[in-house]
Amino acid sequence: MAQAHDLANALNAVARSASFSNTQARATARKHGHVDWPATKAENQDFNPEVDGFETFVMEDGSRCAWVPGQGKYAGRGR
């Protein structure tokens, strides 16, 4: 779950910007290097930014880095 927490910290630093977007989130995740992109794509298959907010990223260790809407930030979560 350390991978998800590390990515959450990186995303939350960028998310403070008023212009934060899914494009910026993906770019930050690409730089991280531990995202399992095929699993992330499957996780977000029915993703709708108008309803869901921001994408969830699946990590190589199986943990997830997910947007927590009520808190306005990303958080690492176990498998």
N, C-alpha and C. Protein backbone atom coordinates (compact mmCIF):
# COMPACT_ATOMS: atom_id res chain seq x y z
N MET A 1 0.82 -1.19 0.00
CA MET A 1 0.00 0.00 0.00
C MET A 1 0.87 1.26 0.00
N ALA A 2 2.16 1.09 0.21
CA ALA A 2 3.06 2.24 0.21
C ALA A 2 3.05 2.94 -1.14
N GLN A 3 2.92 2.17 -2.22
CA GLN A 3 2.88 2.77 -3.55
C GLN A 3 1.69 3.71 -3.70
N ALA A 4 0.53 3.29 -3.22
CA ALA A 4 -0.67 4.12 -3.31
C ALA A 4 -0.53 5.39 -2.46
N HIS A 5 0.06 5.25 -1.28
CA HIS A 5 0.26 6.42 -0.42
C HIS A 5 1.23 7.41 -1.05
N ASP A 6 2.30 6.88 -1.66
CA ASP A 6 3.26 7.77 -2.31
C ASP A 6 2.62 8.54 -3.45
N LEU A 7 1.83 7.84 -4.27
CA LEU A 7 1.15 8.52 -5.38
C LEU A 7 0.12 9.51 -4.84
N ALA A 8 -0.61 9.15 -3.80
CA ALA A 8 -1.59 10.07 -3.20
C ALA A 8 -0.91 11.36 -2.75
N ASN A 9 0.25 11.24 -2.14
CA ASN A 9 0.97 12.44 -1.70
C ASN A 9 1.35 13.31 -2.89
N ALA A 10 1.83 12.68 -3.97
CA ALA A 10 2.20 13.43 -5.17
C ALA A 10 0.98 14.09 -5.81
N LEU A 11 -0.11 13.35 -5.90
CA LEU A 11 -1.34 13.90 -6.50
C LEU A 11 -1.93 15.02 -5.65
N ASN A 12 -1.91 14.87 -4.34
CA ASN A 12 -2.48 15.90 -3.46
C ASN A 12 -1.69 17.20 -3.54
N ALA A 13 -0.39 17.10 -3.78
CA ALA A 13 0.41 18.31 -3.95
C ALA A 13 -0.02 19.07 -5.19
N VAL A 14 -0.35 18.35 -6.26
CA VAL A 14 -0.79 18.97 -7.51
C VAL A 14 -2.27 19.39 -7.42
N ALA A 15 -3.06 18.64 -6.67
CA ALA A 15 -4.51 18.88 -6.59
C ALA A 15 -4.85 20.20 -5.90
N ARG A 16 -3.91 20.81 -5.24
CA ARG A 16 -4.18 22.09 -4.56
C ARG A 16 -4.45 23.21 -5.54
N SER A 17 -4.04 22.99 -6.79
CA SER A 17 -4.24 24.00 -7.84
C SER A 17 -5.72 24.07 -8.20
N ALA A 18 -6.22 25.26 -8.42
CA ALA A 18 -7.62 25.45 -8.79
C ALA A 18 -7.92 24.86 -10.17
N SER A 19 -6.89 24.70 -10.99
CA SER A 19 -7.08 24.17 -12.34
C SER A 19 -6.75 22.68 -12.44
N PHE A 20 -6.71 21.98 -11.30
CA PHE A 20 -6.39 20.54 -11.29
C PHE A 20 -7.39 19.78 -12.15
N SER A 21 -6.89 18.85 -12.95
CA SER A 21 -7.75 18.09 -13.86
C SER A 21 -7.31 16.63 -13.92
N ASN A 22 -8.14 15.80 -14.55
CA ASN A 22 -7.77 14.41 -14.75
C ASN A 22 -6.53 14.28 -15.61
N THR A 23 -6.34 15.19 -16.53
CA THR A 23 -5.14 15.18 -17.37
C THR A 23 -3.89 15.37 -16.51
N GLN A 24 -3.95 16.31 -15.58
CA GLN A 24 -2.82 16.54 -14.68
C GLN A 24 -2.61 15.35 -13.75
N ALA A 25 -3.70 14.74 -13.30
CA ALA A 25 -3.60 13.57 -12.43
C ALA A 25 -2.90 12.43 -13.17
N ARG A 26 -3.30 12.18 -14.42
CA ARG A 26 -2.67 11.12 -15.22
C ARG A 26 -1.19 11.40 -15.45
N ALA A 27 -0.86 12.65 -15.75
CA ALA A 27 0.54 13.01 -15.99
C ALA A 27 1.38 12.78 -14.74
N THR A 28 0.85 13.13 -13.59
CA THR A 28 1.55 12.90 -12.32
C THR A 28 1.70 11.40 -12.07
N ALA A 29 0.66 10.64 -12.35
CA ALA A 29 0.71 9.19 -12.16
C ALA A 29 1.73 8.54 -13.10
N ARG A 30 1.83 9.05 -14.32
CA ARG A 30 2.81 8.50 -15.27
C ARG A 30 4.23 8.69 -14.76
N LYS A 31 4.48 9.80 -14.11
CA LYS A 31 5.81 10.07 -13.56
C LYS A 31 6.13 9.16 -12.38
N HIS A 32 5.10 8.69 -11.70
CA HIS A 32 5.28 7.89 -10.49
C HIS A 32 5.95 6.55 -10.79
N GLY A 33 5.54 5.88 -11.84
CA GLY A 33 6.20 4.65 -12.26
C GLY A 33 5.69 3.35 -11.68
N HIS A 34 4.81 3.38 -10.69
CA HIS A 34 4.31 2.14 -10.10
C HIS A 34 2.84 1.89 -10.39
N VAL A 35 2.29 2.60 -11.36
CA VAL A 35 0.88 2.43 -11.71
C VAL A 35 0.74 1.25 -12.66
N ASP A 36 -0.20 0.38 -12.39
CA ASP A 36 -0.52 -0.73 -13.29
C ASP A 36 -1.56 -0.19 -14.26
N TRP A 37 -1.10 0.25 -15.44
CA TRP A 37 -1.99 0.94 -16.38
C TRP A 37 -3.10 0.05 -16.94
N PRO A 38 -2.86 -1.22 -17.30
CA PRO A 38 -3.99 -2.05 -17.76
C PRO A 38 -5.06 -2.20 -16.67
N ALA A 39 -4.64 -2.40 -15.42
CA ALA A 39 -5.61 -2.53 -14.32
C ALA A 39 -6.32 -1.21 -14.05
N THR A 40 -5.59 -0.10 -14.19
CA THR A 40 -6.20 1.22 -14.00
C THR A 40 -7.26 1.46 -15.07
N LYS A 41 -6.94 1.11 -16.31
CA LYS A 41 -7.91 1.29 -17.40
C LYS A 41 -9.17 0.46 -17.14
N ALA A 42 -8.99 -0.78 -16.69
CA ALA A 42 -10.14 -1.64 -16.37
C ALA A 42 -10.95 -1.08 -15.20
N GLU A 43 -10.27 -0.56 -14.21
CA GLU A 43 -10.93 0.02 -13.02
C GLU A 43 -11.81 1.21 -13.41
N ASN A 44 -11.36 1.98 -14.37
CA ASN A 44 -12.05 3.21 -14.76
C ASN A 44 -12.86 3.06 -16.05
N GLN A 45 -13.20 1.84 -16.39
CA GLN A 45 -13.92 1.57 -17.64
C GLN A 45 -15.20 2.39 -17.76
N ASP A 46 -15.95 2.51 -16.69
CA ASP A 46 -17.21 3.26 -16.70
C ASP A 46 -17.05 4.65 -16.08
N PHE A 47 -15.84 5.15 -16.05
CA PHE A 47 -15.55 6.43 -15.40
C PHE A 47 -16.24 7.58 -16.12
N ASN A 48 -16.88 8.45 -15.34
CA ASN A 48 -17.52 9.65 -15.86
C ASN A 48 -17.07 10.81 -14.98
N PRO A 49 -16.22 11.70 -15.50
CA PRO A 49 -15.68 12.77 -14.66
C PRO A 49 -16.75 13.69 -14.07
N GLU A 50 -17.86 13.82 -14.73
CA GLU A 50 -18.93 14.69 -14.21
C GLU A 50 -19.60 14.09 -12.99
N VAL A 51 -19.54 12.78 -12.85
CA VAL A 51 -20.17 12.09 -11.73
C VAL A 51 -19.12 11.62 -10.72
N ASP A 52 -18.02 11.05 -11.23
CA ASP A 52 -17.03 10.40 -10.38
C ASP A 52 -15.92 11.30 -9.87
N GLY A 53 -15.76 12.47 -10.45
CA GLY A 53 -14.69 13.37 -10.02
C GLY A 53 -13.38 13.03 -10.69
N PHE A 54 -12.52 12.28 -10.01
CA PHE A 54 -11.21 11.94 -10.52
C PHE A 54 -11.01 10.43 -10.54
N GLU A 55 -10.15 9.99 -11.45
CA GLU A 55 -9.91 8.57 -11.64
C GLU A 55 -9.22 7.92 -10.44
N THR A 56 -9.39 6.60 -10.35
CA THR A 56 -8.68 5.77 -9.39
C THR A 56 -7.51 5.14 -10.11
N PHE A 57 -6.36 5.09 -9.45
CA PHE A 57 -5.17 4.48 -10.03
C PHE A 57 -4.86 3.19 -9.29
N VAL A 58 -4.67 2.10 -10.03
CA VAL A 58 -4.33 0.80 -9.45
C VAL A 58 -2.81 0.66 -9.51
N MET A 59 -2.24 0.29 -8.40
CA MET A 59 -0.79 0.20 -8.29
C MET A 59 -0.30 -1.22 -8.56
N GLU A 60 0.98 -1.36 -8.83
CA GLU A 60 1.57 -2.67 -9.11
C GLU A 60 1.41 -3.63 -7.94
N ASP A 61 1.37 -3.12 -6.71
CA ASP A 61 1.21 -3.99 -5.54
C ASP A 61 -0.26 -4.33 -5.25
N GLY A 62 -1.17 -3.88 -6.13
CA GLY A 62 -2.59 -4.18 -5.98
C GLY A 62 -3.37 -3.14 -5.19
N SER A 63 -2.69 -2.22 -4.55
CA SER A 63 -3.39 -1.17 -3.81
C SER A 63 -3.96 -0.15 -4.79
N ARG A 64 -4.77 0.76 -4.28
CA ARG A 64 -5.41 1.77 -5.12
C ARG A 64 -5.21 3.15 -4.54
N CYS A 65 -5.06 4.09 -5.43
CA CYS A 65 -4.99 5.49 -5.07
C CYS A 65 -6.28 6.12 -5.60
N ALA A 66 -7.18 6.46 -4.70
CA ALA A 66 -8.52 6.88 -5.09
C ALA A 66 -8.85 8.28 -4.57
N TRP A 67 -9.63 8.99 -5.35
CA TRP A 67 -10.12 10.32 -4.97
C TRP A 67 -11.19 10.15 -3.90
N VAL A 68 -11.10 10.95 -2.84
CA VAL A 68 -12.09 10.95 -1.76
C VAL A 68 -12.85 12.27 -1.88
N PRO A 69 -14.05 12.25 -2.51
CA PRO A 69 -14.75 13.50 -2.80
C PRO A 69 -15.06 14.36 -1.58
N GLY A 70 -15.49 13.78 -0.51
CA GLY A 70 -15.85 14.56 0.67
C GLY A 70 -14.67 15.28 1.30
N GLN A 71 -13.47 14.74 1.06
CA GLN A 71 -12.27 15.34 1.63
C GLN A 71 -11.49 16.15 0.60
N GLY A 72 -11.84 15.98 -0.68
CA GLY A 72 -11.17 16.73 -1.74
C GLY A 72 -9.71 16.38 -1.90
N LYS A 73 -9.40 15.09 -1.73
CA LYS A 73 -8.01 14.66 -1.88
C LYS A 73 -7.96 13.18 -2.26
N TYR A 74 -6.76 12.75 -2.66
CA TYR A 74 -6.53 11.34 -2.95
C TYR A 74 -6.08 10.63 -1.68
N ALA A 75 -6.38 9.34 -1.59
CA ALA A 75 -5.93 8.52 -0.46
C ALA A 75 -5.56 7.14 -0.97
N GLY A 76 -4.57 6.54 -0.33
CA GLY A 76 -4.17 5.19 -0.65
C GLY A 76 -5.09 4.20 0.05
N ARG A 77 -5.42 3.13 -0.66
CA ARG A 77 -6.31 2.10 -0.10
C ARG A 77 -5.75 0.73 -0.42
N GLY A 78 -5.98 -0.21 0.46
CA GLY A 78 -5.52 -1.58 0.24
C GLY A 78 -6.25 -2.24 -0.91
N ARG A 79 -5.88 -3.44 -1.16
CA ARG A 79 -6.45 -4.20 -2.28
C ARG A 79 -7.91 -4.25 -2.21
